[in-house]
Protein backbone atom coordinates (compact mmCIF):
# COMPACT_ATOMS: atom_id res chain seq x y z
CA MET A 1 -37.66 14.87 5.15
CA GLU A 2 -39.78 11.79 5.87
CA TYR A 3 -38.26 9.82 3.01
CA TYR A 4 -34.74 10.42 4.29
CA LYS A 5 -35.72 9.29 7.80
CA LYS A 6 -37.08 6.04 6.36
CA LEU A 7 -33.91 5.61 4.32
CA LYS A 8 -31.71 6.01 7.39
CA LEU A 9 -33.88 3.52 9.29
CA ILE A 10 -33.54 0.96 6.49
CA THR A 11 -29.76 1.47 6.45
CA LEU A 12 -29.60 0.99 10.23
CA VAL A 13 -31.60 -2.23 10.01
CA ILE A 14 -29.26 -3.54 7.31
CA LEU A 15 -26.23 -2.76 9.49
CA ILE A 16 -27.80 -4.57 12.44
CA ILE A 17 -28.55 -7.61 10.27
CA VAL A 18 -24.97 -7.65 8.98
CA THR A 19 -23.63 -7.39 12.53
CA ILE A 20 -25.84 -10.21 13.79
CA SER A 21 -25.06 -12.44 10.83
CA GLY A 22 -21.37 -11.86 11.53
CA CYS A 23 -21.66 -13.60 14.89
CA ASP A 24 -20.49 -16.86 13.29
CA PHE A 25 -17.21 -15.02 12.77
CA ALA A 26 -14.42 -17.03 11.15
CA ASN A 27 -15.05 -20.00 8.92
CA ASP A 28 -13.60 -23.48 9.49
CA TYR A 29 -10.78 -22.88 7.00
CA GLN A 30 -9.59 -19.75 8.81
CA LYS A 31 -9.77 -21.53 12.18
CA GLY A 32 -7.49 -24.26 10.85
CA ILE A 33 -4.74 -22.00 9.52
CA PHE A 34 -2.86 -21.35 12.77
CA ASP A 35 -0.95 -24.68 12.86
CA ASP A 36 -0.97 -25.42 9.12
CA ASP A 37 2.32 -24.37 7.51
CA ILE A 38 1.10 -25.36 4.04
CA GLU A 39 -1.66 -22.75 4.29
CA ILE A 40 0.49 -20.11 5.97
CA ILE A 41 3.01 -19.95 3.11
CA LYS A 42 0.30 -19.15 0.55
CA THR A 43 0.37 -15.68 -0.98
CA ASP A 44 -3.38 -15.15 -0.55
CA ASP A 45 -4.64 -14.11 2.87
CA SER A 46 -7.80 -15.24 4.60
CA PHE A 47 -8.92 -13.67 7.87
CA THR A 48 -11.76 -12.38 9.98
CA TYR A 49 -11.62 -9.46 12.43
CA LEU A 50 -14.54 -8.60 14.65
CA GLU A 51 -12.82 -5.26 15.10
CA LYS A 52 -9.51 -3.84 13.88
CA LEU A 53 -7.77 -0.50 14.43
CA GLY A 54 -4.34 0.33 13.07
CA LYS A 55 -1.68 3.00 12.72
CA ASP A 56 1.09 2.73 10.16
CA ALA A 57 3.96 5.11 9.37
CA ASP A 58 7.70 4.83 8.58
CA ASN A 59 7.80 1.05 9.00
CA LYS A 60 6.12 1.37 12.40
CA LYS A 61 2.80 -0.39 12.88
CA ILE A 62 0.35 -0.68 15.77
CA ILE A 63 -2.67 -2.96 15.46
CA GLU A 64 -5.50 -3.47 17.94
CA PHE A 65 -7.96 -6.24 17.19
CA LYS A 66 -10.76 -8.43 18.50
CA TYR A 67 -11.44 -12.02 17.50
CA PHE A 68 -8.76 -12.13 14.80
CA THR A 69 -8.71 -15.52 13.12
CA GLY A 70 -6.73 -16.50 10.01
CA MET A 71 -3.66 -14.96 8.40
CA ASP A 72 -3.00 -11.38 7.28
CA THR A 73 0.13 -10.15 5.47
CA ILE A 74 1.53 -7.02 7.14
CA TYR A 75 4.75 -6.29 5.25
CA TYR A 76 6.48 -7.23 2.02
CA ILE A 77 10.28 -7.17 2.29
CA THR A 78 12.37 -7.11 -0.89
CA ALA A 79 16.13 -7.65 -0.54
CA ASN A 80 18.55 -7.05 -3.40
CA GLU A 81 20.96 -9.46 -1.70
CA ASP A 82 21.08 -11.56 1.45
CA SER A 83 20.66 -9.04 4.28
CA GLU A 84 19.48 -8.50 7.83
CA ILE A 85 16.53 -6.64 9.32
CA THR A 86 15.87 -5.66 12.92
CA ILE A 87 12.33 -5.98 14.25
CA ASN A 88 11.16 -4.69 17.62
CA PHE A 89 7.89 -6.12 18.91
CA GLU A 90 5.58 -5.40 21.80
CA SER A 91 2.47 -7.55 22.04
CA ASN A 92 -0.31 -7.78 24.59
CA ILE A 93 -2.66 -10.64 23.68
CA ASN A 94 -5.46 -11.11 26.20
CA LYS A 95 -7.35 -13.88 24.43
CA GLY A 96 -6.72 -16.64 21.90
CA ASP A 97 -3.57 -17.63 20.00
CA PHE A 98 -1.36 -15.20 18.10
CA LYS A 99 1.98 -15.27 16.32
CA VAL A 100 4.02 -13.35 13.77
CA VAL A 101 5.98 -15.18 11.09
CA LEU A 102 8.37 -14.33 8.29
CA ILE A 103 8.06 -16.32 5.08
CA SER A 104 11.25 -16.38 3.03
CA PRO A 105 11.42 -16.33 -0.81
CA ASP A 106 11.88 -20.11 -0.74
CA TYR A 107 8.86 -20.55 1.59
CA GLU A 108 10.69 -21.19 4.83
CA ILE A 109 8.62 -20.12 7.84
CA ILE A 110 10.38 -18.34 10.72
CA THR A 111 8.29 -17.63 13.82
CA ILE A 112 9.46 -14.28 15.18
CA LEU A 113 6.81 -13.68 17.85
CA TYR A 114 4.42 -15.93 19.73
CA GLY A 115 1.76 -14.67 22.15
CA ASN A 116 2.71 -11.96 24.63
CA ASP A 117 6.24 -10.68 24.34
CA GLU A 118 8.43 -7.59 24.18
CA VAL A 119 11.39 -8.48 22.06
CA GLY A 120 13.86 -7.17 19.51
CA LYS A 121 15.28 -9.54 16.92
CA THR A 122 17.77 -9.34 14.08
CA ILE A 123 16.67 -11.67 11.31
CA SER A 124 18.46 -12.77 8.17
CA VAL A 125 16.45 -12.25 4.99
CA LYS A 126 17.33 -13.90 1.72
CA LYS A 127 17.56 -12.19 -1.63
CA GLY A 128 14.07 -11.79 -3.09
CA GLU A 129 10.68 -11.06 -1.56
CA SER A 130 9.87 -12.15 1.98
CA ARG A 131 6.56 -11.60 3.75
CA ILE A 132 5.63 -10.89 7.34
CA LYS A 133 2.27 -12.28 8.41
CA ILE A 134 0.28 -12.17 11.59
CA ILE A 135 -1.55 -15.42 12.35
CA GLY A 136 -4.41 -15.63 14.83
CA LYS A 137 -7.00 -17.97 16.24
CA GLU A 138 -9.78 -16.12 18.07
CA ALA A 139 -7.11 -13.64 19.21
CA SER A 140 -7.78 -10.29 20.86
CA GLY A 141 -5.20 -7.75 21.92
CA LYS A 142 -2.65 -5.28 20.62
CA VAL A 143 0.67 -5.60 18.84
CA GLY A 144 3.23 -2.97 17.86
CA MET A 145 6.19 -3.51 15.56
CA ASN A 146 9.03 -1.45 14.17
CA ILE A 147 11.30 -2.66 11.33
CA LYS A 148 14.74 -1.31 10.49
CA ALA A 149 16.82 -2.33 7.49
CA ASP A 150 19.78 -1.17 5.42
CA GLU A 151 19.63 0.33 1.93
CA ASN A 152 19.65 -3.09 0.26
CA VAL A 153 16.20 -3.85 1.66
CA GLU A 154 12.88 -2.28 0.67
CA ILE A 155 9.96 -2.59 3.08
CA LYS A 156 6.38 -1.97 1.97
CA SER A 157 3.19 -2.37 3.93
CA LYS A 158 0.27 -4.30 2.52
CA GLU A 159 -1.62 -1.01 2.13
CA MET A 160 1.25 0.56 0.17
CA MET A 161 1.38 -2.41 -2.20
CA ALA A 162 -2.37 -2.08 -2.82
CA LEU A 163 -2.01 1.66 -3.39
CA GLU A 164 0.72 1.19 -5.99
CA LYS A 165 -1.36 -1.38 -7.86
CA ASP A 166 -4.38 0.93 -7.94
CA VAL A 167 -2.27 3.87 -9.15
CA GLU A 168 -1.01 1.70 -12.01
CA LYS A 169 -4.59 0.76 -12.90
CA LEU A 170 -5.67 4.39 -12.69
CA ASP A 171 -2.90 5.44 -15.08
CA ARG A 172 -4.00 2.79 -17.58
CA LEU A 173 -7.60 3.91 -17.20
CA PHE A 174 -6.86 7.52 -18.13
CA ILE A 175 -4.76 6.45 -21.11
CA ASN A 176 -7.56 4.21 -22.41
CA LEU A 177 -10.23 6.89 -21.97
CA GLU A 178 -8.42 9.92 -23.38
CA GLU A 179 -10.47 9.82 -26.58
CA SER A 180 -13.78 8.72 -25.03
CA ASN A 181 -16.59 10.68 -23.37
CA SER A 182 -18.94 7.71 -23.06
CA LEU A 183 -20.08 7.05 -19.51
CA GLU A 184 -20.85 3.46 -20.46
CA GLU A 185 -17.26 2.89 -21.55
CA ILE A 186 -15.97 4.55 -18.38
CA ILE A 187 -18.08 2.32 -16.15
CA ASN A 188 -17.12 -0.81 -18.06
CA GLN A 189 -13.45 0.12 -17.89
CA TYR A 190 -13.85 0.88 -14.19
CA SER A 191 -15.28 -2.58 -13.55
CA HIS A 192 -12.33 -4.29 -15.21
CA ASP A 193 -9.34 -2.09 -14.38
CA LEU A 194 -9.95 -0.27 -11.11
CA ASP A 195 -10.52 -1.57 -7.60
CA GLY A 196 -11.87 1.78 -6.42
CA ALA A 197 -9.52 2.51 -3.54
CA TYR A 198 -7.11 5.47 -3.55
CA ALA A 199 -8.39 6.84 -6.89
CA GLU A 200 -9.95 10.18 -6.04
CA GLY A 201 -8.75 11.68 -9.33
CA TYR A 202 -11.03 9.30 -11.19
CA GLY A 203 -14.03 11.02 -9.61
CA SER A 204 -13.31 14.20 -11.55
CA TYR A 205 -13.43 12.38 -14.87
CA LEU A 206 -16.56 10.50 -13.87
CA TYR A 207 -18.27 13.68 -12.70
CA LYS A 208 -17.59 15.39 -16.03
CA SER A 209 -19.14 12.52 -17.97
CA TYR A 210 -22.04 12.19 -15.56
CA SER A 211 -22.86 15.88 -16.03
CA GLN A 212 -23.00 15.42 -19.79
CA GLU A 213 -25.20 12.32 -19.67
CA GLY A 214 -27.74 13.27 -16.99
CA ILE A 215 -29.06 11.34 -14.00
CA GLU A 216 -31.58 9.06 -15.72
CA LYS A 217 -29.02 7.88 -18.26
CA PHE A 218 -26.52 7.48 -15.45
CA ILE A 219 -28.94 5.26 -13.48
CA SER A 220 -29.77 3.22 -16.58
CA LEU A 221 -26.11 2.54 -17.35
CA LEU A 222 -25.26 1.72 -13.74
CA ALA A 223 -28.11 -0.80 -13.56
CA GLU A 224 -26.25 -2.96 -16.09
CA GLU A 225 -23.29 -3.35 -13.71
CA GLU A 226 -22.57 -5.58 -10.73
CA THR A 227 -23.62 -4.26 -7.32
CA THR A 228 -20.04 -3.77 -6.12
CA ILE A 229 -19.24 -1.70 -9.20
CA ILE A 230 -22.40 0.37 -8.76
CA LYS A 231 -21.45 1.20 -5.19
CA GLY A 232 -17.88 2.11 -6.16
CA VAL A 233 -18.94 4.41 -9.00
CA ILE A 234 -21.50 6.26 -6.87
CA GLU A 235 -19.00 6.71 -4.06
CA MET A 236 -16.52 8.15 -6.54
CA LEU A 237 -19.11 10.57 -7.90
CA PHE A 238 -20.07 11.90 -4.49
CA SER A 239 -16.48 11.96 -3.34
CA GLU A 240 -15.81 14.47 -6.12
CA LEU A 241 -18.87 16.53 -5.18
CA SER A 242 -17.67 16.49 -1.58
CA ILE A 243 -14.19 17.67 -2.56
CA GLN A 244 -15.74 20.49 -4.60
CA GLU A 245 -18.18 21.26 -1.74
CA ASN A 246 -20.71 21.54 -4.54
CA ILE A 247 -23.80 21.86 -2.35
CA LYS A 248 -25.81 23.30 -5.25
CA GLU A 249 -25.33 20.18 -7.37
CA ILE A 250 -26.00 17.91 -4.39
CA ASN A 251 -29.30 19.68 -3.69
CA SER A 252 -30.13 19.44 -7.38
CA ILE A 253 -29.55 15.67 -7.30
CA ILE A 254 -31.68 15.26 -4.17
CA ASP A 255 -34.54 17.29 -5.66
CA TYR A 256 -34.38 15.40 -8.95
CA LEU A 257 -34.35 11.96 -7.31
CA ASP A 258 -37.17 12.89 -4.93
CA GLU A 259 -39.36 13.86 -7.88
CA LEU A 260 -38.71 10.72 -9.92
CA LYS A 261 -41.69 8.48 -10.57
CA LEU A 262 -40.36 5.11 -9.45
CA ASP A 263 -43.24 2.89 -10.57
CA ASP A 264 -41.48 1.88 -13.78
CA PHE A 265 -38.09 1.30 -12.16
CA ASN A 266 -36.79 -2.22 -11.63
CA ASN A 267 -35.32 -3.33 -8.29
CA LYS A 268 -31.74 -2.58 -9.28
CA GLU A 269 -32.62 0.93 -10.45
CA LEU A 270 -34.49 1.53 -7.17
CA PHE A 271 -31.39 0.38 -5.29
CA ILE A 272 -29.31 2.91 -7.24
CA VAL A 273 -31.75 5.73 -6.49
CA HIS A 274 -31.74 4.90 -2.77
CA LEU A 275 -27.96 4.63 -2.69
CA MET A 276 -27.52 7.96 -4.49
CA LEU A 277 -29.92 9.66 -2.11
CA SER A 278 -28.14 8.21 0.90
CA GLU A 279 -24.71 9.33 -0.36
CA ALA A 280 -26.09 12.77 -1.27
CA TYR A 281 -27.46 13.37 2.22
CA VAL A 282 -24.27 12.14 3.89
CA VAL A 283 -22.12 14.47 1.79
CA LYS A 284 -24.53 17.36 2.32
CA ASP A 285 -24.43 16.87 6.10
CA ASN A 286 -20.64 16.73 6.07
CA ILE A 287 -20.33 19.95 4.06
CA GLN A 288 -22.84 21.84 6.18
């Protein structure tokens, strides 16, 4: 389809522009973090990766990265009492500066790895929540780490912490929407209570309401939302269609959107139509 080819070309151009614009990489604040303990102890992270690949399972983590600058929390460690943990590291940094630190509950910074090293350390952790951060300045390379602790210590990755928070938000969302079938209320609640990640079950509820409202109403309601929310909602919708392998509904959406007269649509509504078409074709290709 000629329209789809144009759409893919536009998407490719956007990706190229984003890539080129990213050549400035890290900002001045991120570049200044490496030797600034006052910034390092902060709970909020700030970082830039040109490229990042990672594997994480059973308190074992491997990260490969290019041009990492800033600070990124890797683990949260909660001790019921003063305890010890054992950390084994293997790092191969071929460019830039890199270190791993532990920040205690009272904001003491302990450097546990600097640059290239293969080391095992037993570290005392105080009662409360400690954090392990990686700190970089234009660093490229690979680091692996494995943490062992006794039963008094709970170790959670940054991703696990984010997952638990989103599950809590998802639970609240379903409770609040049990008596509502309004797509508008669902979208508004989504924008306030759900980050979008790890919430595939939400797609089922959204799909049910979308089916009742119809595409034009769906587009109209979405156009009232922020762009990030629009993208999240559409991804959830097509995630559900993908799980169902509902090729019939996907084809129906494509046909409907292709036949829409777009002259009266505003720019935001056109963006939604293009995004829905793009997601529909991606899902269709994956299923077929």
